[in-house]
């Protein structure tokens, strides 16, 4: 897991990437202490899986990808020169 932190005087944004996937925003709000353990924050952000649910919840990526079975509007729509849809899969 990789984490990144962006701070200014009024807020903190924390991004996390799991298994080489694109980062997702795991926190954006009031400033966090500089000693905040970002890996613990990222693990706490993961949604629990219970019986009768999907095996894994889809990522809330900064650029949702249809190739990762994102159920909503993808962040990028790409077509080949002949109009064939392409499903990019971004990796960090």
C-alpha atoms as a PDB file:
ATOM      1  CA  UNK A   1       0.000   0.000   0.000  1.00  0.00           C
ATOM      2  CA  UNK A   2       1.230   3.472  -0.845  1.00  0.00           C
ATOM      3  CA  UNK A   3      -0.048   6.684   0.705  1.00  0.00           C
ATOM      4  CA  UNK A   4       0.375  10.376  -0.068  1.00  0.00           C
ATOM      5  CA  UNK A   5      -0.523  13.413   1.946  1.00  0.00           C
ATOM      6  CA  UNK A   6      -1.271  16.954   0.772  1.00  0.00           C
ATOM      7  CA  UNK A   7      -1.600  19.726   3.364  1.00  0.00           C
ATOM      8  CA  UNK A   8      -2.276  23.426   3.438  1.00  0.00           C
ATOM      9  CA  UNK A   9      -3.143  25.643   6.385  1.00  0.00           C
ATOM     10  CA  UNK A  10      -6.837  24.641   6.420  1.00  0.00           C
ATOM     11  CA  UNK A  11      -7.057  21.053   5.189  1.00  0.00           C
ATOM     12  CA  UNK A  12      -5.430  17.690   4.569  1.00  0.00           C
ATOM     13  CA  UNK A  13      -6.006  15.320   1.653  1.00  0.00           C
ATOM     14  CA  UNK A  14      -4.765  11.742   1.870  1.00  0.00           C
ATOM     15  CA  UNK A  15      -4.551   9.412  -1.136  1.00  0.00           C
ATOM     16  CA  UNK A  16      -3.876   5.668  -1.044  1.00  0.00           C
ATOM     17  CA  UNK A  17      -3.099   3.092  -3.734  1.00  0.00           C
ATOM     18  CA  UNK A  18      -3.516  -0.616  -3.109  1.00  0.00           C
ATOM     19  CA  UNK A  19      -1.943  -3.364  -5.263  1.00  0.00           C
ATOM     20  CA  UNK A  20      -0.627  -0.914  -7.863  1.00  0.00           C
ATOM     21  CA  UNK A  21      -4.043   0.593  -8.596  1.00  0.00           C
ATOM     22  CA  UNK A  22      -4.715   4.275  -9.102  1.00  0.00           C
ATOM     23  CA  UNK A  23      -4.894   6.298  -5.893  1.00  0.00           C
ATOM     24  CA  UNK A  24      -8.204   6.962  -4.222  1.00  0.00           C
ATOM     25  CA  UNK A  25      -9.035   9.787  -1.840  1.00  0.00           C
ATOM     26  CA  UNK A  26      -9.315   8.287   1.646  1.00  0.00           C
ATOM     27  CA  UNK A  27      -9.482  11.523   3.618  1.00  0.00           C
ATOM     28  CA  UNK A  28     -10.176  15.162   2.781  1.00  0.00           C
ATOM     29  CA  UNK A  29     -11.010  17.446   5.635  1.00  0.00           C
ATOM     30  CA  UNK A  30      -9.652  19.297   8.633  1.00  0.00           C
ATOM     31  CA  UNK A  31      -5.861  19.202   9.061  1.00  0.00           C
ATOM     32  CA  UNK A  32      -4.552  15.922  10.455  1.00  0.00           C
ATOM     33  CA  UNK A  33      -1.649  15.760  12.905  1.00  0.00           C
ATOM     34  CA  UNK A  34       1.719  15.309  11.190  1.00  0.00           C
ATOM     35  CA  UNK A  35       2.114  12.104  13.197  1.00  0.00           C
ATOM     36  CA  UNK A  36      -1.059  10.530  11.713  1.00  0.00           C
ATOM     37  CA  UNK A  37      -0.350   6.954  10.560  1.00  0.00           C
ATOM     38  CA  UNK A  38      -1.608   7.041   6.959  1.00  0.00           C
ATOM     39  CA  UNK A  39      -1.490   3.261   6.517  1.00  0.00           C
ATOM     40  CA  UNK A  40      -3.794   2.792   9.512  1.00  0.00           C
ATOM     41  CA  UNK A  41      -6.085   5.479   8.083  1.00  0.00           C
ATOM     42  CA  UNK A  42      -6.128   3.682   4.713  1.00  0.00           C
ATOM     43  CA  UNK A  43      -6.874   0.295   6.285  1.00  0.00           C
ATOM     44  CA  UNK A  44      -9.690   1.859   8.311  1.00  0.00           C
ATOM     45  CA  UNK A  45     -11.147   3.318   5.113  1.00  0.00           C
ATOM     46  CA  UNK A  46     -11.583  -0.103   3.470  1.00  0.00           C
ATOM     47  CA  UNK A  47     -15.204  -1.265   3.367  1.00  0.00           C
ATOM     48  CA  UNK A  48     -16.062  -4.496   5.158  1.00  0.00           C
ATOM     49  CA  UNK A  49     -17.250  -7.456   3.127  1.00  0.00           C
ATOM     50  CA  UNK A  50     -20.084  -9.505   4.585  1.00  0.00           C
ATOM     51  CA  UNK A  51     -21.943 -12.603   3.452  1.00  0.00           C
ATOM     52  CA  UNK A  52     -24.054 -12.175   0.323  1.00  0.00           C
ATOM     53  CA  UNK A  53     -22.011  -9.208  -0.969  1.00  0.00           C
ATOM     54  CA  UNK A  54     -19.502  -8.820  -3.768  1.00  0.00           C
ATOM     55  CA  UNK A  55     -16.116 -10.419  -3.138  1.00  0.00           C
ATOM     56  CA  UNK A  56     -14.542  -6.971  -3.241  1.00  0.00           C
ATOM     57  CA  UNK A  57     -15.956  -3.462  -3.335  1.00  0.00           C
ATOM     58  CA  UNK A  58     -14.959  -1.402  -6.386  1.00  0.00           C
ATOM     59  CA  UNK A  59     -12.306   1.247  -5.822  1.00  0.00           C
ATOM     60  CA  UNK A  60     -13.334   4.876  -5.598  1.00  0.00           C
ATOM     61  CA  UNK A  61     -10.547   5.883  -7.935  1.00  0.00           C
ATOM     62  CA  UNK A  62      -9.576   9.381  -9.027  1.00  0.00           C
ATOM     63  CA  UNK A  63     -10.255   8.060 -12.582  1.00  0.00           C
ATOM     64  CA  UNK A  64     -12.817   5.201 -12.480  1.00  0.00           C
ATOM     65  CA  UNK A  65     -12.051   2.490 -15.057  1.00  0.00           C
ATOM     66  CA  UNK A  66     -14.574   0.326 -16.893  1.00  0.00           C
ATOM     67  CA  UNK A  67     -11.893  -2.392 -17.104  1.00  0.00           C
ATOM     68  CA  UNK A  68     -12.131  -2.767 -13.315  1.00  0.00           C
ATOM     69  CA  UNK A  69     -15.902  -3.306 -13.527  1.00  0.00           C
ATOM     70  CA  UNK A  70     -16.704   0.173 -12.202  1.00  0.00           C
ATOM     71  CA  UNK A  71     -20.537   0.286 -12.344  1.00  0.00           C
ATOM     72  CA  UNK A  72     -20.866   4.031 -13.027  1.00  0.00           C
ATOM     73  CA  UNK A  73     -19.602   6.458 -15.646  1.00  0.00           C
ATOM     74  CA  UNK A  74     -15.875   5.821 -16.294  1.00  0.00           C
ATOM     75  CA  UNK A  75     -13.473   8.690 -15.791  1.00  0.00           C
ATOM     76  CA  UNK A  76     -12.119   8.284 -19.324  1.00  0.00           C
ATOM     77  CA  UNK A  77     -13.777   6.968 -22.483  1.00  0.00           C
ATOM     78  CA  UNK A  78     -11.363   5.885 -25.221  1.00  0.00           C
ATOM     79  CA  UNK A  79     -12.033   4.485 -28.697  1.00  0.00           C
ATOM     80  CA  UNK A  80      -9.696   3.028 -31.314  1.00  0.00           C
ATOM     81  CA  UNK A  81      -9.421   4.808 -34.662  1.00  0.00           C
ATOM     82  CA  UNK A  82     -12.168   2.524 -36.049  1.00  0.00           C
ATOM     83  CA  UNK A  83     -14.503   3.358 -33.146  1.00  0.00           C
ATOM     84  CA  UNK A  84     -13.934   0.158 -31.162  1.00  0.00           C
ATOM     85  CA  UNK A  85     -14.216   0.883 -27.415  1.00  0.00           C
ATOM     86  CA  UNK A  86     -10.981   0.458 -25.494  1.00  0.00           C
ATOM     87  CA  UNK A  87     -10.920  -0.270 -21.774  1.00  0.00           C
ATOM     88  CA  UNK A  88      -7.725   1.212 -20.341  1.00  0.00           C
ATOM     89  CA  UNK A  89      -6.413  -0.195 -17.086  1.00  0.00           C
ATOM     90  CA  UNK A  90      -4.074   2.217 -15.324  1.00  0.00           C
ATOM     91  CA  UNK A  91      -1.375   1.027 -12.966  1.00  0.00           C
ATOM     92  CA  UNK A  92       0.867   3.032 -10.708  1.00  0.00           C
END
